[in-house]
Amino acid sequence: MTTFRLGTFNREHLIKWFVSQAENKETGQLAALKQVDINAEDELDDFMVEVDILTECVHNNIVGIKEAFFFDHKLWVSEWIAD
């Protein structure tokens, strides 16, 4: 996995996240894997709204979400890699 973006986002809390490039071991397909540290339930709620919108939105100019899951106080979002 190669990390290619680090960042923070500040609403009411400092939210640390990074994006890595990941490869599916079975198919060899690449994806962007966004990992967000979640410290409060309202932070997770905010990101789940984003996940819900991007999951339903299908357009050539919008990077789609492949899947998202919450594990060990982290939100993991797998997205298609833009060409």
Protein backbone atom coordinates (compact mmCIF):
# COMPACT_ATOMS: atom_id res chain seq x y z
CA MET A 1 0.00 0.00 0.00
CA THR A 2 1.35 3.42 -0.98
CA THR A 3 0.20 6.51 0.90
CA PHE A 4 -0.26 9.43 -1.45
CA ARG A 5 -2.36 11.95 0.47
CA LEU A 6 -2.45 13.02 4.11
CA GLY A 7 -4.78 15.60 5.52
CA THR A 8 -6.92 17.01 8.27
CA PHE A 9 -10.43 18.34 8.23
CA ASN A 10 -11.75 20.61 10.96
CA ARG A 11 -15.41 21.21 11.69
CA GLU A 12 -15.78 20.91 15.43
CA HIS A 13 -13.05 18.31 15.79
CA LEU A 14 -9.70 17.69 14.20
CA ILE A 15 -10.16 14.69 11.93
CA LYS A 16 -7.06 12.93 10.63
CA TRP A 17 -7.24 10.97 7.39
CA PHE A 18 -5.03 9.57 4.68
CA VAL A 19 -5.53 7.96 1.30
CA SER A 20 -3.49 5.03 0.05
CA GLN A 21 -3.42 3.05 -3.13
CA ALA A 22 -4.44 -0.55 -2.49
CA GLU A 23 -4.52 -3.60 -4.73
CA ASN A 24 -7.12 -6.36 -4.63
CA LYS A 25 -5.08 -9.56 -4.19
CA GLU A 26 -7.60 -11.67 -6.10
CA THR A 27 -8.20 -9.41 -9.13
CA GLY A 28 -5.16 -7.11 -9.15
CA GLN A 29 -7.52 -4.12 -9.46
CA LEU A 30 -6.28 -0.89 -7.86
CA ALA A 31 -8.37 1.32 -5.59
CA ALA A 32 -7.94 4.41 -3.47
CA LEU A 33 -8.38 3.48 0.18
CA LYS A 34 -9.33 6.40 2.42
CA GLN A 35 -8.86 5.83 6.16
CA VAL A 36 -10.44 8.31 8.57
CA ASP A 37 -9.81 8.29 12.33
CA ILE A 38 -13.21 8.62 14.03
CA ASN A 39 -13.15 9.92 17.60
CA ALA A 40 -16.83 10.74 18.15
CA GLU A 41 -20.14 9.38 16.93
CA ASP A 42 -21.12 12.67 15.27
CA GLU A 43 -17.96 12.49 13.13
CA LEU A 44 -19.05 9.07 11.86
CA ASP A 45 -22.54 10.44 11.14
CA ASP A 46 -21.07 13.27 9.06
CA PHE A 47 -18.97 10.91 6.96
CA MET A 48 -21.81 8.42 6.53
CA VAL A 49 -23.86 11.19 4.88
CA GLU A 50 -21.00 11.68 2.41
CA VAL A 51 -20.76 7.91 1.84
CA ASP A 52 -24.52 7.63 1.25
CA ILE A 53 -24.50 10.47 -1.29
CA LEU A 54 -21.45 9.22 -3.20
CA THR A 55 -22.77 5.65 -3.23
CA GLU A 56 -25.97 6.76 -4.97
CA CYS A 57 -24.33 9.30 -7.28
CA VAL A 58 -23.29 7.82 -10.63
CA HIS A 59 -21.58 10.25 -13.01
CA ASN A 60 -18.42 10.25 -15.16
CA ASN A 61 -17.01 13.25 -13.27
CA ILE A 62 -17.53 11.83 -9.76
CA VAL A 63 -15.29 9.20 -8.20
CA GLY A 64 -17.53 6.37 -7.03
CA ILE A 65 -17.33 4.44 -3.81
CA LYS A 66 -16.77 0.70 -4.07
CA GLU A 67 -17.41 -0.04 -0.41
CA ALA A 68 -17.17 1.47 3.06
CA PHE A 69 -16.87 -0.06 6.51
CA PHE A 70 -16.14 0.95 10.09
CA PHE A 71 -13.54 -1.00 12.06
CA ASP A 72 -11.38 -0.22 15.10
CA HIS A 73 -12.48 3.45 15.35
CA LYS A 74 -11.63 4.02 11.69
CA LEU A 75 -13.85 4.56 8.67
CA TRP A 76 -12.43 2.82 5.61
CA VAL A 77 -13.72 3.92 2.20
CA SER A 78 -12.64 2.14 -0.96
CA GLU A 79 -13.01 4.33 -4.06
CA TRP A 80 -12.30 3.91 -7.75
CA ILE A 81 -9.06 5.52 -8.89
CA ALA A 82 -9.67 8.42 -11.27
CA ASP A 83 -7.92 8.24 -14.62
